[in-house]
Amino acid sequence: MVGYTVGAEVQDDAVTAWVLRLSVGRQYQGKSIGTALISRLISELATSHVRRVFLSVAPDNIPAKKIYDRLGFVKVTHQPGYFCEGEDRDIMRYLVDK
């Protein structure tokens, strides 16, 4: 497997979705596969009227943050202890063009 991504719409908020996971095999990283996967996910979500896509990323995960920045995600907040103590996350948002 080269890589995968998982996303889902928010219950009771049909215009909002979250990227839940992005993974690319080490030997395939740096080849724009993560960018292609997230782009496709956003396109698929947009077909069901999603207009906002959020994700959480570890503040020190620079490779992932570069992908998200290139795609147009913006950091909206920092959440200390998002999963548990020491598991901080930056929350990023992408606005889908209508």
PDB file of N, CA and C in Angstrom:
ATOM      1  N   MET A   1       0.841  -1.169   0.000  1.00  0.00           N
ATOM      2  CA  MET A   1       0.000   0.000   0.000  1.00  0.00           C
ATOM      3  C   MET A   1       0.896   1.244   0.000  1.00  0.00           C
ATOM      4  N   VAL A   2       0.542   2.198  -0.826  1.00  0.00           N
ATOM      5  CA  VAL A   2       1.298   3.448  -0.928  1.00  0.00           C
ATOM      6  C   VAL A   2       0.875   4.417   0.164  1.00  0.00           C
ATOM      7  N   GLY A   3      -0.432   4.582   0.355  1.00  0.00           N
ATOM      8  CA  GLY A   3      -0.930   5.493   1.369  1.00  0.00           C
ATOM      9  C   GLY A   3      -2.440   5.513   1.383  1.00  0.00           C
ATOM     10  N   TYR A   4      -2.977   6.202   2.370  1.00  0.00           N
ATOM     11  CA  TYR A   4      -4.430   6.332   2.478  1.00  0.00           C
ATOM     12  C   TYR A   4      -4.785   7.570   3.290  1.00  0.00           C
ATOM     13  N   THR A   5      -6.038   7.984   3.163  1.00  0.00           N
ATOM     14  CA  THR A   5      -6.571   9.051   3.992  1.00  0.00           C
ATOM     15  C   THR A   5      -8.005   8.699   4.358  1.00  0.00           C
ATOM     16  N   VAL A   6      -8.444   9.207   5.502  1.00  0.00           N
ATOM     17  CA  VAL A   6      -9.800   8.967   5.983  1.00  0.00           C
ATOM     18  C   VAL A   6     -10.388  10.306   6.399  1.00  0.00           C
ATOM     19  N   GLY A   7     -11.608  10.551   5.978  1.00  0.00           N
ATOM     20  CA  GLY A   7     -12.315  11.760   6.367  1.00  0.00           C
ATOM     21  C   GLY A   7     -13.769  11.448   6.620  1.00  0.00           C
ATOM     22  N   ALA A   8     -14.456  12.339   7.331  1.00  0.00           N
ATOM     23  CA  ALA A   8     -15.866  12.121   7.632  1.00  0.00           C
ATOM     24  C   ALA A   8     -16.567  13.442   7.860  1.00  0.00           C
ATOM     25  N   GLU A   9     -17.842  13.475   7.459  1.00  0.00           N
ATOM     26  CA  GLU A   9     -18.683  14.633   7.745  1.00  0.00           C
ATOM     27  C   GLU A   9     -19.055  14.614   9.225  1.00  0.00           C
ATOM     28  N   VAL A  10     -19.290  15.796   9.768  1.00  0.00           N
ATOM     29  CA  VAL A  10     -19.708  15.937  11.155  1.00  0.00           C
ATOM     30  C   VAL A  10     -21.212  15.686  11.233  1.00  0.00           C
ATOM     31  N   GLN A  11     -21.625  14.841  12.159  1.00  0.00           N
ATOM     32  CA  GLN A  11     -23.055  14.614  12.352  1.00  0.00           C
ATOM     33  C   GLN A  11     -23.733  15.930  12.696  1.00  0.00           C
ATOM     34  N   ASP A  12     -24.896  16.146  12.166  1.00  0.00           N
ATOM     35  CA  ASP A  12     -25.703  17.335  12.428  1.00  0.00           C
ATOM     36  C   ASP A  12     -25.061  18.628  11.931  1.00  0.00           C
ATOM     37  N   ASP A  13     -24.053  18.528  11.068  1.00  0.00           N
ATOM     38  CA  ASP A  13     -23.434  19.712  10.462  1.00  0.00           C
ATOM     39  C   ASP A  13     -22.896  19.304   9.091  1.00  0.00           C
ATOM     40  N   ALA A  14     -23.785  19.238   8.123  1.00  0.00           N
ATOM     41  CA  ALA A  14     -23.459  18.683   6.808  1.00  0.00           C
ATOM     42  C   ALA A  14     -22.421  19.477   6.031  1.00  0.00           C
ATOM     43  N   VAL A  15     -22.109  20.688   6.454  1.00  0.00           N
ATOM     44  CA  VAL A  15     -21.122  21.488   5.722  1.00  0.00           C
ATOM     45  C   VAL A  15     -19.721  21.390   6.320  1.00  0.00           C
ATOM     46  N   THR A  16     -19.571  20.603   7.380  1.00  0.00           N
ATOM     47  CA  THR A  16     -18.277  20.479   8.054  1.00  0.00           C
ATOM     48  C   THR A  16     -17.817  19.025   8.059  1.00  0.00           C
ATOM     49  N   ALA A  17     -16.522  18.837   7.802  1.00  0.00           N
ATOM     50  CA  ALA A  17     -15.927  17.501   7.837  1.00  0.00           C
ATOM     51  C   ALA A  17     -14.543  17.589   8.474  1.00  0.00           C
ATOM     52  N   TRP A  18     -14.029  16.436   8.835  1.00  0.00           N
ATOM     53  CA  TRP A  18     -12.694  16.327   9.413  1.00  0.00           C
ATOM     54  C   TRP A  18     -11.860  15.320   8.628  1.00  0.00           C
ATOM     55  N   VAL A  19     -10.590  15.651   8.437  1.00  0.00           N
ATOM     56  CA  VAL A  19      -9.606  14.671   7.981  1.00  0.00           C
ATOM     57  C   VAL A  19      -9.203  13.923   9.242  1.00  0.00           C
ATOM     58  N   LEU A  20      -9.466  12.637   9.260  1.00  0.00           N
ATOM     59  CA  LEU A  20      -9.194  11.850  10.460  1.00  0.00           C
ATOM     60  C   LEU A  20      -7.832  11.173  10.424  1.00  0.00           C
ATOM     61  N   ARG A  21      -7.333  10.946   9.212  1.00  0.00           N
ATOM     62  CA  ARG A  21      -6.050  10.235   9.108  1.00  0.00           C
ATOM     63  C   ARG A  21      -5.447  10.448   7.732  1.00  0.00           C
ATOM     64  N   LEU A  22      -4.144  10.578   7.691  1.00  0.00           N
ATOM     65  CA  LEU A  22      -3.367  10.585   6.454  1.00  0.00           C
ATOM     66  C   LEU A  22      -2.108   9.780   6.728  1.00  0.00           C
ATOM     67  N   SER A  23      -1.838   8.821   5.870  1.00  0.00           N
ATOM     68  CA  SER A  23      -0.638   8.014   6.034  1.00  0.00           C
ATOM     69  C   SER A  23      -0.053   7.704   4.659  1.00  0.00           C
ATOM     70  N   VAL A  24       1.257   7.885   4.535  1.00  0.00           N
ATOM     71  CA  VAL A  24       1.977   7.554   3.305  1.00  0.00           C
ATOM     72  C   VAL A  24       3.196   6.732   3.719  1.00  0.00           C
ATOM     73  N   GLY A  25       3.395   5.611   3.054  1.00  0.00           N
ATOM     74  CA  GLY A  25       4.549   4.761   3.355  1.00  0.00           C
ATOM     75  C   GLY A  25       5.859   5.533   3.247  1.00  0.00           C
ATOM     76  N   ARG A  26       6.783   5.234   4.119  1.00  0.00           N
ATOM     77  CA  ARG A  26       8.057   5.974   4.159  1.00  0.00           C
ATOM     78  C   ARG A  26       8.744   6.052   2.799  1.00  0.00           C
ATOM     79  N   GLN A  27       8.756   4.955   2.069  1.00  0.00           N
ATOM     80  CA  GLN A  27       9.456   4.941   0.785  1.00  0.00           C
ATOM     81  C   GLN A  27       8.754   5.796  -0.268  1.00  0.00           C
ATOM     82  N   TYR A  28       7.514   6.227  -0.003  1.00  0.00           N
ATOM     83  CA  TYR A  28       6.755   7.040  -0.963  1.00  0.00           C
ATOM     84  C   TYR A  28       6.626   8.499  -0.526  1.00  0.00           C
ATOM     85  N   GLN A  29       7.127   8.823   0.644  1.00  0.00           N
ATOM     86  CA  GLN A  29       7.021  10.202   1.128  1.00  0.00           C
ATOM     87  C   GLN A  29       7.889  11.125   0.284  1.00  0.00           C
ATOM     88  N   GLY A  30       7.442  12.374   0.157  1.00  0.00           N
ATOM     89  CA  GLY A  30       8.174  13.353  -0.633  1.00  0.00           C
ATOM     90  C   GLY A  30       7.881  13.280  -2.119  1.00  0.00           C
ATOM     91  N   LYS A  31       6.871  12.530  -2.497  1.00  0.00           N
ATOM     92  CA  LYS A  31       6.519  12.363  -3.905  1.00  0.00           C
ATOM     93  C   LYS A  31       5.134  12.932  -4.223  1.00  0.00           C
ATOM     94  N   SER A  32       4.624  13.822  -3.366  1.00  0.00           N
ATOM     95  CA  SER A  32       3.322  14.500  -3.533  1.00  0.00           C
ATOM     96  C   SER A  32       2.115  13.570  -3.388  1.00  0.00           C
ATOM     97  N   ILE A  33       2.320  12.381  -2.838  1.00  0.00           N
ATOM     98  CA  ILE A  33       1.211  11.446  -2.659  1.00  0.00           C
ATOM     99  C   ILE A  33       0.262  11.935  -1.570  1.00  0.00           C
ATOM    100  N   GLY A  34       0.793  12.434  -0.471  1.00  0.00           N
ATOM    101  CA  GLY A  34      -0.056  12.978   0.595  1.00  0.00           C
ATOM    102  C   GLY A  34      -0.898  14.131   0.082  1.00  0.00           C
ATOM    103  N   THR A  35      -0.298  14.996  -0.714  1.00  0.00           N
ATOM    104  CA  THR A  35      -1.025  16.122  -1.300  1.00  0.00           C
ATOM    105  C   THR A  35      -2.157  15.615  -2.190  1.00  0.00           C
ATOM    106  N   ALA A  36      -1.864  14.613  -3.016  1.00  0.00           N
ATOM    107  CA  ALA A  36      -2.890  14.055  -3.905  1.00  0.00           C
ATOM    108  C   ALA A  36      -4.020  13.411  -3.109  1.00  0.00           C
ATOM    109  N   LEU A  37      -3.683  12.696  -2.042  1.00  0.00           N
ATOM    110  CA  LEU A  37      -4.711  12.044  -1.234  1.00  0.00           C
ATOM    111  C   LEU A  37      -5.629  13.056  -0.564  1.00  0.00           C
ATOM    112  N   ILE A  38      -5.055  14.087   0.036  1.00  0.00           N
ATOM    113  CA  ILE A  38      -5.881  15.093   0.710  1.00  0.00           C
ATOM    114  C   ILE A  38      -6.705  15.872  -0.317  1.00  0.00           C
ATOM    115  N   SER A  39      -6.120  16.202  -1.446  1.00  0.00           N
ATOM    116  CA  SER A  39      -6.864  16.910  -2.497  1.00  0.00           C
ATOM    117  C   SER A  39      -8.075  16.100  -2.940  1.00  0.00           C
ATOM    118  N   ARG A  40      -7.877  14.817  -3.145  1.00  0.00           N
ATOM    119  CA  ARG A  40      -8.987  13.947  -3.569  1.00  0.00           C
ATOM    120  C   ARG A  40     -10.047  13.845  -2.477  1.00  0.00           C
ATOM    121  N   LEU A  41      -9.623  13.737  -1.241  1.00  0.00           N
ATOM    122  CA  LEU A  41     -10.570  13.671  -0.128  1.00  0.00           C
ATOM    123  C   LEU A  41     -11.419  14.930  -0.085  1.00  0.00           C
ATOM    124  N   ILE A  42     -10.783  16.089  -0.210  1.00  0.00           N
ATOM    125  CA  ILE A  42     -11.533  17.349  -0.201  1.00  0.00           C
ATOM    126  C   ILE A  42     -12.521  17.382  -1.363  1.00  0.00           C
ATOM    127  N   SER A  43     -12.097  16.955  -2.532  1.00  0.00           N
ATOM    128  CA  SER A  43     -12.993  16.927  -3.700  1.00  0.00           C
ATOM    129  C   SER A  43     -14.202  16.040  -3.444  1.00  0.00           C
ATOM    130  N   GLU A  44     -13.969  14.875  -2.872  1.00  0.00           N
ATOM    131  CA  GLU A  44     -15.074  13.955  -2.576  1.00  0.00           C
ATOM    132  C   GLU A  44     -16.015  14.545  -1.531  1.00  0.00           C
ATOM    133  N   LEU A  45     -15.461  15.140  -0.486  1.00  0.00           N
ATOM    134  CA  LEU A  45     -16.295  15.749   0.548  1.00  0.00           C
ATOM    135  C   LEU A  45     -17.121  16.901  -0.020  1.00  0.00           C
ATOM    136  N   ALA A  46     -16.531  17.663  -0.929  1.00  0.00           N
ATOM    137  CA  ALA A  46     -17.233  18.806  -1.522  1.00  0.00           C
ATOM    138  C   ALA A  46     -18.443  18.377  -2.343  1.00  0.00           C
ATOM    139  N   THR A  47     -18.420  17.157  -2.883  1.00  0.00           N
ATOM    140  CA  THR A  47     -19.577  16.689  -3.660  1.00  0.00           C
ATOM    141  C   THR A  47     -20.794  16.469  -2.782  1.00  0.00           C
ATOM    142  N   SER A  48     -20.583  16.366  -1.474  1.00  0.00           N
ATOM    143  CA  SER A  48     -21.710  16.215  -0.550  1.00  0.00           C
ATOM    144  C   SER A  48     -21.952  17.495   0.247  1.00  0.00           C
ATOM    145  N   HIS A  49     -21.613  18.623  -0.346  1.00  0.00           N
ATOM    146  CA  HIS A  49     -21.907  19.957   0.206  1.00  0.00           C
ATOM    147  C   HIS A  49     -21.040  20.386   1.389  1.00  0.00           C
ATOM    148  N   VAL A  50     -19.943  19.702   1.633  1.00  0.00           N
ATOM    149  CA  VAL A  50     -19.020  20.131   2.684  1.00  0.00           C
ATOM    150  C   VAL A  50     -18.351  21.426   2.247  1.00  0.00           C
ATOM    151  N   ARG A  51     -18.267  22.385   3.145  1.00  0.00           N
ATOM    152  CA  ARG A  51     -17.634  23.672   2.859  1.00  0.00           C
ATOM    153  C   ARG A  51     -16.472  23.999   3.785  1.00  0.00           C
ATOM    154  N   ARG A  52     -16.350  23.265   4.895  1.00  0.00           N
ATOM    155  CA  ARG A  52     -15.245  23.457   5.845  1.00  0.00           C
ATOM    156  C   ARG A  52     -14.654  22.094   6.175  1.00  0.00           C
ATOM    157  N   VAL A  53     -13.335  22.007   6.067  1.00  0.00           N
ATOM    158  CA  VAL A  53     -12.651  20.762   6.411  1.00  0.00           C
ATOM    159  C   VAL A  53     -11.613  21.091   7.478  1.00  0.00           C
ATOM    160  N   PHE A  54     -11.677  20.383   8.590  1.00  0.00           N
ATOM    161  CA  PHE A  54     -10.742  20.576   9.689  1.00  0.00           C
ATOM    162  C   PHE A  54      -9.842  19.355   9.821  1.00  0.00           C
ATOM    163  N   LEU A  55      -8.709  19.560  10.471  1.00  0.00           N
ATOM    164  CA  LEU A  55      -7.826  18.455  10.829  1.00  0.00           C
ATOM    165  C   LEU A  55      -7.006  18.863  12.030  1.00  0.00           C
ATOM    166  N   SER A  56      -6.461  17.874  12.702  1.00  0.00           N
ATOM    167  CA  SER A  56      -5.517  18.153  13.786  1.00  0.00           C
ATOM    168  C   SER A  56      -4.175  17.556  13.388  1.00  0.00           C
ATOM    169  N   VAL A  57      -3.118  18.256  13.758  1.00  0.00           N
ATOM    170  CA  VAL A  57      -1.768  17.809  13.415  1.00  0.00           C
ATOM    171  C   VAL A  57      -0.835  18.150  14.571  1.00  0.00           C
ATOM    172  N   ALA A  58       0.095  17.261  14.830  1.00  0.00           N
ATOM    173  CA  ALA A  58       1.088  17.533  15.868  1.00  0.00           C
ATOM    174  C   ALA A  58       1.891  18.772  15.474  1.00  0.00           C
ATOM    175  N   PRO A  59       2.097  19.695  16.406  1.00  0.00           N
ATOM    176  CA  PRO A  59       2.814  20.933  16.083  1.00  0.00           C
ATOM    177  C   PRO A  59       4.203  20.721  15.495  1.00  0.00           C
ATOM    178  N   ASP A  60       4.842  19.599  15.828  1.00  0.00           N
ATOM    179  CA  ASP A  60       6.193  19.347  15.325  1.00  0.00           C
ATOM    180  C   ASP A  60       6.211  18.464  14.069  1.00  0.00           C
ATOM    181  N   ASN A  61       5.051  18.161  13.505  1.00  0.00           N
ATOM    182  CA  ASN A  61       4.988  17.350  12.283  1.00  0.00           C
ATOM    183  C   ASN A  61       5.112  18.270  11.071  1.00  0.00           C
ATOM    184  N   ILE A  62       6.313  18.735  10.850  1.00  0.00           N
ATOM    185  CA  ILE A  62       6.585  19.720   9.793  1.00  0.00           C
ATOM    186  C   ILE A  62       6.244  19.199   8.395  1.00  0.00           C
ATOM    187  N   PRO A  63       6.592  17.956   8.038  1.00  0.00           N
ATOM    188  CA  PRO A  63       6.231  17.487   6.691  1.00  0.00           C
ATOM    189  C   PRO A  63       4.718  17.541   6.425  1.00  0.00           C
ATOM    190  N   ALA A  64       3.919  17.103   7.385  1.00  0.00           N
ATOM    191  CA  ALA A  64       2.465  17.142   7.205  1.00  0.00           C
ATOM    192  C   ALA A  64       1.968  18.579   7.133  1.00  0.00           C
ATOM    193  N   LYS A  65       2.489  19.440   8.001  1.00  0.00           N
ATOM    194  CA  LYS A  65       2.045  20.839   8.003  1.00  0.00           C
ATOM    195  C   LYS A  65       2.382  21.526   6.680  1.00  0.00           C
ATOM    196  N   LYS A  66       3.484  21.155   6.062  1.00  0.00           N
ATOM    197  CA  LYS A  66       3.834  21.723   4.751  1.00  0.00           C
ATOM    198  C   LYS A  66       2.805  21.318   3.699  1.00  0.00           C
ATOM    199  N   ILE A  67       2.369  20.067   3.736  1.00  0.00           N
ATOM    200  CA  ILE A  67       1.325  19.614   2.810  1.00  0.00           C
ATOM    201  C   ILE A  67       0.068  20.442   3.020  1.00  0.00           C
ATOM    202  N   TYR A  68      -0.364  20.547   4.258  1.00  0.00           N
ATOM    203  CA  TYR A  68      -1.605  21.255   4.560  1.00  0.00           C
ATOM    204  C   TYR A  68      -1.499  22.736   4.195  1.00  0.00           C
ATOM    205  N   ASP A  69      -0.366  23.350   4.480  1.00  0.00           N
ATOM    206  CA  ASP A  69      -0.162  24.759   4.102  1.00  0.00           C
ATOM    207  C   ASP A  69      -0.261  24.946   2.590  1.00  0.00           C
ATOM    208  N   ARG A  70       0.393  24.083   1.843  1.00  0.00           N
ATOM    209  CA  ARG A  70       0.355  24.170   0.372  1.00  0.00           C
ATOM    210  C   ARG A  70      -1.063  24.051  -0.171  1.00  0.00           C
ATOM    211  N   LEU A  71      -1.871  23.237   0.473  1.00  0.00           N
ATOM    212  CA  LEU A  71      -3.238  23.025   0.015  1.00  0.00           C
ATOM    213  C   LEU A  71      -4.186  24.154   0.416  1.00  0.00           C
ATOM    214  N   GLY A  72      -3.747  25.015   1.326  1.00  0.00           N
ATOM    215  CA  GLY A  72      -4.583  26.140   1.732  1.00  0.00           C
ATOM    216  C   GLY A  72      -5.206  26.020   3.108  1.00  0.00           C
ATOM    217  N   PHE A  73      -4.817  25.014   3.881  1.00  0.00           N
ATOM    218  CA  PHE A  73      -5.277  24.928   5.263  1.00  0.00           C
ATOM    219  C   PHE A  73      -4.607  26.038   6.067  1.00  0.00           C
ATOM    220  N   VAL A  74      -5.326  26.573   7.032  1.00  0.00           N
ATOM    221  CA  VAL A  74      -4.766  27.586   7.928  1.00  0.00           C
ATOM    222  C   VAL A  74      -4.957  27.133   9.374  1.00  0.00           C
ATOM    223  N   LYS A  75      -3.976  27.434  10.187  1.00  0.00           N
ATOM    224  CA  LYS A  75      -4.073  27.110  11.607  1.00  0.00           C
ATOM    225  C   LYS A  75      -5.100  28.023  12.245  1.00  0.00           C
ATOM    226  N   VAL A  76      -6.061  27.434  12.959  1.00  0.00           N
ATOM    227  CA  VAL A  76      -7.079  28.238  13.627  1.00  0.00           C
ATOM    228  C   VAL A  76      -6.912  28.248  15.140  1.00  0.00           C
ATOM    229  N   THR A  77      -6.255  27.231  15.688  1.00  0.00           N
ATOM    230  CA  THR A  77      -6.014  27.204  17.124  1.00  0.00           C
ATOM    231  C   THR A  77      -4.979  26.139  17.471  1.00  0.00           C
ATOM    232  N   HIS A  78      -4.454  26.243  18.673  1.00  0.00           N
ATOM    233  CA  HIS A  78      -3.555  25.238  19.231  1.00  0.00           C
ATOM    234  C   HIS A  78      -4.265  24.649  20.449  1.00  0.00           C
ATOM    235  N   GLN A  79      -4.320  23.333  20.525  1.00  0.00           N
ATOM    236  CA  GLN A  79      -5.008  22.656  21.630  1.00  0.00           C
ATOM    237  C   GLN A  79      -4.019  21.834  22.453  1.00  0.00           C
ATOM    238  N   PRO A  80      -3.597  22.366  23.611  1.00  0.00           N
ATOM    239  CA  PRO A  80      -2.723  21.565  24.481  1.00  0.00           C
ATOM    240  C   PRO A  80      -3.482  20.333  24.983  1.00  0.00           C
ATOM    241  N   GLY A  81      -2.801  19.215  25.060  1.00  0.00           N
ATOM    242  CA  GLY A  81      -3.410  18.002  25.597  1.00  0.00           C
ATOM    243  C   GLY A  81      -4.626  17.529  24.823  1.00  0.00           C
ATOM    244  N   TYR A  82      -4.608  17.688  23.526  1.00  0.00           N
ATOM    245  CA  TYR A  82      -5.754  17.333  22.673  1.00  0.00           C
ATOM    246  C   TYR A  82      -6.182  15.879  22.881  1.00  0.00           C
ATOM    247  N   PHE A  83      -5.231  14.965  22.890  1.00  0.00           N
ATOM    248  CA  PHE A  83      -5.526  13.555  23.137  1.00  0.00           C
ATOM    249  C   PHE A  83      -5.300  13.188  24.600  1.00  0.00           C
ATOM    250  N   CYS A  84      -4.227  13.719  25.162  1.00  0.00           N
ATOM    251  CA  CYS A  84      -3.884  13.534  26.567  1.00  0.00           C
ATOM    252  C   CYS A  84      -2.708  14.461  26.856  1.00  0.00           C
ATOM    253  N   GLU A  85      -2.265  14.492  28.084  1.00  0.00           N
ATOM    254  CA  GLU A  85      -1.142  15.351  28.438  1.00  0.00           C
ATOM    255  C   GLU A  85       0.059  15.044  27.546  1.00  0.00           C
ATOM    256  N   GLY A  86       0.638  16.111  26.967  1.00  0.00           N
ATOM    257  CA  GLY A  86       1.790  15.957  26.097  1.00  0.00           C
ATOM    258  C   GLY A  86       1.432  15.657  24.647  1.00  0.00           C
ATOM    259  N   GLU A  87       0.164  15.528  24.345  1.00  0.00           N
ATOM    260  CA  GLU A  87      -0.300  15.243  22.980  1.00  0.00           C
ATOM    261  C   GLU A  87      -1.023  16.470  22.418  1.00  0.00           C
ATOM    262  N   ASP A  88      -0.271  17.547  22.261  1.00  0.00           N
ATOM    263  CA  ASP A  88      -0.826  18.794  21.731  1.00  0.00           C
ATOM    264  C   ASP A  88      -1.124  18.648  20.243  1.00  0.00           C
ATOM    265  N   ARG A  89      -2.044  19.452  19.756  1.00  0.00           N
ATOM    266  CA  ARG A  89      -2.377  19.465  18.335  1.00  0.00           C
ATOM    267  C   ARG A  89      -2.680  20.884  17.888  1.00  0.00           C
ATOM    268  N   ASP A  90      -2.290  21.186  16.657  1.00  0.00           N
ATOM    269  CA  ASP A  90      -2.733  22.389  15.983  1.00  0.00           C
ATOM    270  C   ASP A  90      -3.967  22.003  15.183  1.00  0.00           C
ATOM    271  N   ILE A  91      -4.998  22.821  15.255  1.00  0.00           N
ATOM    272  CA  ILE A  91      -6.213  22.588  14.483  1.00  0.00           C
ATOM    273  C   ILE A  91      -6.137  23.501  13.256  1.00  0.00           C
ATOM    274  N   MET A  92      -6.348  22.881  12.094  1.00  0.00           N
ATOM    275  CA  MET A  92      -6.263  23.622  10.836  1.00  0.00           C
ATOM    276  C   MET A  92      -7.592  23.511  10.090  1.00  0.00           C
ATOM    277  N   ARG A  93      -7.891  24.535   9.284  1.00  0.00           N
ATOM    278  CA  ARG A  93      -9.156  24.566   8.553  1.00  0.00           C
ATOM    279  C   ARG A  93      -8.913  24.900   7.087  1.00  0.00           C
ATOM    280  N   TYR A  94      -9.701  24.272   6.247  1.00  0.00           N
ATOM    281  CA  TYR A  94      -9.701  24.537   4.821  1.00  0.00           C
ATOM    282  C   TYR A  94     -11.116  24.931   4.427  1.00  0.00           C
ATOM    283  N   LEU A  95     -11.260  26.034   3.699  1.00  0.00           N
ATOM    284  CA  LEU A  95     -12.562  26.459   3.222  1.00  0.00           C
ATOM    285  C   LEU A  95     -12.697  26.045   1.756  1.00  0.00           C
ATOM    286  N   VAL A  96     -13.719  25.260   1.468  1.00  0.00           N
ATOM    287  CA  VAL A  96     -13.956  24.749   0.126  1.00  0.00           C
ATOM    288  C   VAL A  96     -14.576  25.857  -0.708  1.00  0.00           C
ATOM    289  N   ASP A  97     -14.036  26.092  -1.916  1.00  0.00           N
ATOM    290  CA  ASP A  97     -14.617  27.065  -2.831  1.00  0.00           C
ATOM    291  C   ASP A  97     -15.968  26.559  -3.275  1.00  0.00           C
ATOM    292  N   LYS A  98     -16.912  27.472  -3.382  1.00  0.00           N
ATOM    293  CA  LYS A  98     -18.259  27.087  -3.825  1.00  0.00           C
ATOM    294  C   LYS A  98     -18.337  26.943  -5.303  1.00  0.00           C
TER     295      LYS A  98
END
